[in-house]
PDB file of N, CA and C in Angstrom:
ATOM      1  N   UNK A   1      -1.445  18.523   1.508  1.00  0.00           N
ATOM      2  CA  UNK A   1      -0.728  17.266   0.795  1.00  0.00           C
ATOM      3  C   UNK A   1      -0.524  16.003   1.752  1.00  0.00           C
ATOM      4  N   UNK A   2      -0.455  16.652   2.996  1.00  0.00           N
ATOM      5  CA  UNK A   2      -0.698  15.070   4.135  1.00  0.00           C
ATOM      6  C   UNK A   2      -1.532  14.539   4.022  1.00  0.00           C
ATOM      7  N   UNK A   3      -1.441  13.130   3.912  1.00  0.00           N
ATOM      8  CA  UNK A   3      -2.867  12.133   3.690  1.00  0.00           C
ATOM      9  C   UNK A   3      -2.753  11.105   4.942  1.00  0.00           C
ATOM     10  N   UNK A   4      -3.733  11.174   5.845  1.00  0.00           N
ATOM     11  CA  UNK A   4      -3.869  10.259   6.727  1.00  0.00           C
ATOM     12  C   UNK A   4      -3.586   8.765   6.002  1.00  0.00           C
ATOM     13  N   UNK A   5      -2.596   7.778   6.940  1.00  0.00           N
ATOM     14  CA  UNK A   5      -2.706   6.251   6.439  1.00  0.00           C
ATOM     15  C   UNK A   5      -2.520   5.425   7.757  1.00  0.00           C
ATOM     16  N   UNK A   6      -3.349   4.392   7.561  1.00  0.00           N
ATOM     17  CA  UNK A   6      -3.048   3.210   8.464  1.00  0.00           C
ATOM     18  C   UNK A   6      -1.991   2.146   8.721  1.00  0.00           C
ATOM     19  N   UNK A   7      -1.677   2.031   9.932  1.00  0.00           N
ATOM     20  CA  UNK A   7      -0.200   0.996   9.776  1.00  0.00           C
ATOM     21  C   UNK A   7      -1.256  -0.501  10.380  1.00  0.00           C
ATOM     22  N   UNK A   8      -0.721  -0.994   9.616  1.00  0.00           N
ATOM     23  CA  UNK A   8      -1.415  -2.444   9.884  1.00  0.00           C
ATOM     24  C   UNK A   8      -0.368  -3.504  10.448  1.00  0.00           C
ATOM     25  N   UNK A   9      -0.522  -4.220  11.015  1.00  0.00           N
ATOM     26  CA  UNK A   9       0.653  -5.780  11.720  1.00  0.00           C
ATOM     27  C   UNK A   9       0.671  -6.579  10.633  1.00  0.00           C
ATOM     28  N   UNK A  10       1.914  -7.224  10.318  1.00  0.00           N
ATOM     29  CA  UNK A  10       2.236  -8.017   8.929  1.00  0.00           C
ATOM     30  C   UNK A  10       1.803  -9.318   9.752  1.00  0.00           C
ATOM     31  N   UNK A  11       1.692  -9.627  11.484  1.00  0.00           N
ATOM     32  CA  UNK A  11       1.431 -10.951  11.969  1.00  0.00           C
ATOM     33  C   UNK A  11       0.123 -11.191  11.854  1.00  0.00           C
ATOM     34  N   UNK A  12      -0.455 -10.315  12.259  1.00  0.00           N
ATOM     35  CA  UNK A  12      -2.131 -10.604  12.609  1.00  0.00           C
ATOM     36  C   UNK A  12      -3.243  -9.930  12.309  1.00  0.00           C
ATOM     37  N   UNK A  13      -2.548  -8.644  11.035  1.00  0.00           N
ATOM     38  CA  UNK A  13      -3.325  -7.698   9.991  1.00  0.00           C
ATOM     39  C   UNK A  13      -4.457  -6.733  10.842  1.00  0.00           C
ATOM     40  N   UNK A  14      -3.879  -6.738  12.334  1.00  0.00           N
ATOM     41  CA  UNK A  14      -4.982  -5.550  12.741  1.00  0.00           C
ATOM     42  C   UNK A  14      -4.645  -4.160  12.550  1.00  0.00           C
ATOM     43  N   UNK A  15      -5.158  -3.291  12.546  1.00  0.00           N
ATOM     44  CA  UNK A  15      -5.005  -1.774  12.391  1.00  0.00           C
ATOM     45  C   UNK A  15      -4.866  -0.822  13.439  1.00  0.00           C
ATOM     46  N   UNK A  16      -3.579  -1.110  13.717  1.00  0.00           N
ATOM     47  CA  UNK A  16      -2.661  -0.614  15.144  1.00  0.00           C
ATOM     48  C   UNK A  16      -2.551   1.365  15.308  1.00  0.00           C
ATOM     49  N   UNK A  17      -2.444   1.745  14.136  1.00  0.00           N
ATOM     50  CA  UNK A  17      -1.677   2.991  14.271  1.00  0.00           C
ATOM     51  C   UNK A  17      -1.970   3.812  12.985  1.00  0.00           C
ATOM     52  N   UNK A  18      -2.172   5.413  13.144  1.00  0.00           N
ATOM     53  CA  UNK A  18      -2.518   6.036  12.187  1.00  0.00           C
ATOM     54  C   UNK A  18      -1.918   7.075  12.430  1.00  0.00           C
ATOM     55  N   UNK A  19      -1.233   7.557  11.113  1.00  0.00           N
ATOM     56  CA  UNK A  19      -0.222   8.486  11.213  1.00  0.00           C
ATOM     57  C   UNK A  19      -0.412   9.279   9.646  1.00  0.00           C
ATOM     58  N   UNK A  20       0.337   9.990   9.456  1.00  0.00           N
ATOM     59  CA  UNK A  20       0.276  11.040   7.870  1.00  0.00           C
ATOM     60  C   UNK A  20       1.673  10.875   7.518  1.00  0.00           C
ATOM     61  N   UNK A  21       1.244  11.321   6.144  1.00  0.00           N
ATOM     62  CA  UNK A  21       2.448  11.279   5.248  1.00  0.00           C
ATOM     63  C   UNK A  21       2.380  11.911   4.321  1.00  0.00           C
ATOM     64  N   UNK A  22       3.502  12.571   3.476  1.00  0.00           N
ATOM     65  CA  UNK A  22       3.509  13.368   2.128  1.00  0.00           C
ATOM     66  C   UNK A  22       3.783  12.727   0.987  1.00  0.00           C
ATOM     67  N   UNK A  23       2.295  12.343   0.479  1.00  0.00           N
ATOM     68  CA  UNK A  23       2.695  11.785  -0.669  1.00  0.00           C
ATOM     69  C   UNK A  23       3.672  12.004  -1.820  1.00  0.00           C
ATOM     70  N   UNK A  24       4.072  13.493  -2.091  1.00  0.00           N
ATOM     71  CA  UNK A  24       4.893  13.819  -2.717  1.00  0.00           C
ATOM     72  C   UNK A  24       6.287  13.420  -2.766  1.00  0.00           C
ATOM     73  N   UNK A  25       6.675  13.343  -1.139  1.00  0.00           N
ATOM     74  CA  UNK A  25       8.445  13.368  -1.235  1.00  0.00           C
ATOM     75  C   UNK A  25       8.234  11.503  -1.040  1.00  0.00           C
ATOM     76  N   UNK A  26       7.332  10.958  -0.226  1.00  0.00           N
ATOM     77  CA  UNK A  26       7.254   9.049  -0.238  1.00  0.00           C
ATOM     78  C   UNK A  26       6.673   8.458  -0.681  1.00  0.00           C
ATOM     79  N   UNK A  27       6.761   8.816  -1.950  1.00  0.00           N
ATOM     80  CA  UNK A  27       5.670   7.857  -2.978  1.00  0.00           C
ATOM     81  C   UNK A  27       5.116   5.941  -2.488  1.00  0.00           C
ATOM     82  N   UNK A  28       6.431   5.365  -1.812  1.00  0.00           N
ATOM     83  CA  UNK A  28       6.312   4.102  -1.504  1.00  0.00           C
ATOM     84  C   UNK A  28       5.747   3.827  -0.415  1.00  0.00           C
ATOM     85  N   UNK A  29       4.963   2.656  -0.144  1.00  0.00           N
ATOM     86  CA  UNK A  29       4.256   2.399   1.503  1.00  0.00           C
ATOM     87  C   UNK A  29       5.844   2.474   2.637  1.00  0.00           C
ATOM     88  N   UNK A  30       4.846   3.140   3.407  1.00  0.00           N
ATOM     89  CA  UNK A  30       5.673   3.072   4.649  1.00  0.00           C
ATOM     90  C   UNK A  30       5.569   1.850   5.588  1.00  0.00           C
ATOM     91  N   UNK A  31       6.804   1.485   6.100  1.00  0.00           N
ATOM     92  CA  UNK A  31       6.679   0.363   6.953  1.00  0.00           C
ATOM     93  C   UNK A  31       7.926   0.646   8.203  1.00  0.00           C
ATOM     94  N   UNK A  32       7.522   0.364   9.695  1.00  0.00           N
ATOM     95  CA  UNK A  32       7.781   0.762  10.652  1.00  0.00           C
ATOM     96  C   UNK A  32       7.908  -0.748  11.566  1.00  0.00           C
ATOM     97  N   UNK A  33       8.693  -0.723  12.362  1.00  0.00           N
ATOM     98  CA  UNK A  33       8.824  -1.597  13.598  1.00  0.00           C
ATOM     99  C   UNK A  33       8.282  -1.076  14.896  1.00  0.00           C
ATOM    100  N   UNK A  34       6.904  -1.497  15.080  1.00  0.00           N
ATOM    101  CA  UNK A  34       6.322  -1.268  16.202  1.00  0.00           C
ATOM    102  C   UNK A  34       5.344  -2.077  16.832  1.00  0.00           C
ATOM    103  N   UNK A  35       5.219  -1.653  18.192  1.00  0.00           N
ATOM    104  CA  UNK A  35       4.519  -2.626  19.246  1.00  0.00           C
ATOM    105  C   UNK A  35       3.186  -2.718  18.794  1.00  0.00           C
ATOM    106  N   UNK A  36       2.870  -4.138  19.110  1.00  0.00           N
ATOM    107  CA  UNK A  36       1.259  -4.633  18.646  1.00  0.00           C
ATOM    108  C   UNK A  36       0.855  -5.333  19.536  1.00  0.00           C
ATOM    109  N   UNK A  37      -0.138  -4.553  19.829  1.00  0.00           N
ATOM    110  CA  UNK A  37      -0.942  -5.376  21.734  1.00  0.00           C
ATOM    111  C   UNK A  37      -1.489  -6.516  21.208  1.00  0.00           C
ATOM    112  N   UNK A  38      -1.847  -6.519  20.172  1.00  0.00           N
ATOM    113  CA  UNK A  38      -2.101  -8.263  19.731  1.00  0.00           C
ATOM    114  C   UNK A  38      -1.679  -9.337  19.935  1.00  0.00           C
ATOM    115  N   UNK A  39      -0.282  -8.860  19.415  1.00  0.00           N
ATOM    116  CA  UNK A  39       0.715 -10.231  19.142  1.00  0.00           C
ATOM    117  C   UNK A  39       1.735  -9.966  20.736  1.00  0.00           C
ATOM    118  N   UNK A  40       1.423  -8.792  21.065  1.00  0.00           N
ATOM    119  CA  UNK A  40       2.508  -8.579  22.154  1.00  0.00           C
ATOM    120  C   UNK A  40       3.948  -8.815  21.953  1.00  0.00           C
ATOM    121  N   UNK A  41       4.176  -7.853  21.017  1.00  0.00           N
ATOM    122  CA  UNK A  41       5.723  -7.729  20.481  1.00  0.00           C
ATOM    123  C   UNK A  41       5.872  -6.980  19.742  1.00  0.00           C
ATOM    124  N   UNK A  42       6.933  -6.817  19.549  1.00  0.00           N
ATOM    125  CA  UNK A  42       7.232  -5.625  18.254  1.00  0.00           C
ATOM    126  C   UNK A  42       7.264  -6.557  16.802  1.00  0.00           C
ATOM    127  N   UNK A  43       6.516  -6.005  15.590  1.00  0.00           N
ATOM    128  CA  UNK A  43       6.243  -6.659  14.627  1.00  0.00           C
ATOM    129  C   UNK A  43       6.074  -5.471  13.606  1.00  0.00           C
ATOM    130  N   UNK A  44       6.630  -5.987  12.239  1.00  0.00           N
ATOM    131  CA  UNK A  44       6.593  -4.844  10.995  1.00  0.00           C
ATOM    132  C   UNK A  44       5.313  -4.568  10.700  1.00  0.00           C
ATOM    133  N   UNK A  45       5.152  -3.089  10.738  1.00  0.00           N
ATOM    134  CA  UNK A  45       3.712  -2.363  10.745  1.00  0.00           C
ATOM    135  C   UNK A  45       4.059  -1.653   8.872  1.00  0.00           C
ATOM    136  N   UNK A  46       3.205  -2.374   8.023  1.00  0.00           N
ATOM    137  CA  UNK A  46       3.030  -1.441   6.689  1.00  0.00           C
ATOM    138  C   UNK A  46       1.798  -0.758   6.583  1.00  0.00           C
ATOM    139  N   UNK A  47       1.907   0.201   5.765  1.00  0.00           N
ATOM    140  CA  UNK A  47       0.637   0.939   5.479  1.00  0.00           C
ATOM    141  C   UNK A  47      -0.437   0.107   4.916  1.00  0.00           C
ATOM    142  N   UNK A  48      -1.085   0.386   5.369  1.00  0.00           N
ATOM    143  CA  UNK A  48      -2.307  -0.292   4.584  1.00  0.00           C
ATOM    144  C   UNK A  48      -3.494   0.361   3.533  1.00  0.00           C
ATOM    145  N   UNK A  49      -4.240  -0.243   3.085  1.00  0.00           N
ATOM    146  CA  UNK A  49      -5.260   0.408   2.380  1.00  0.00           C
ATOM    147  C   UNK A  49      -6.365   1.188   3.415  1.00  0.00           C
ATOM    148  N   UNK A  50      -6.807   1.945   3.127  1.00  0.00           N
ATOM    149  CA  UNK A  50      -8.301   3.297   4.053  1.00  0.00           C
ATOM    150  C   UNK A  50      -9.427   2.183   4.115  1.00  0.00           C
TER     151      UNK A  50
END
């Protein structure tokens, strides 16, 4: 039931992180504030397309 998703930086659109989520419990898109090594700062990372 857990699917692998990619987290995309909202600033530079780089795919930096992968994680898993249970689509049954969290149908909405995930958002985390994580470090982007390309922007060299903490930015909002959203769930991207596969």
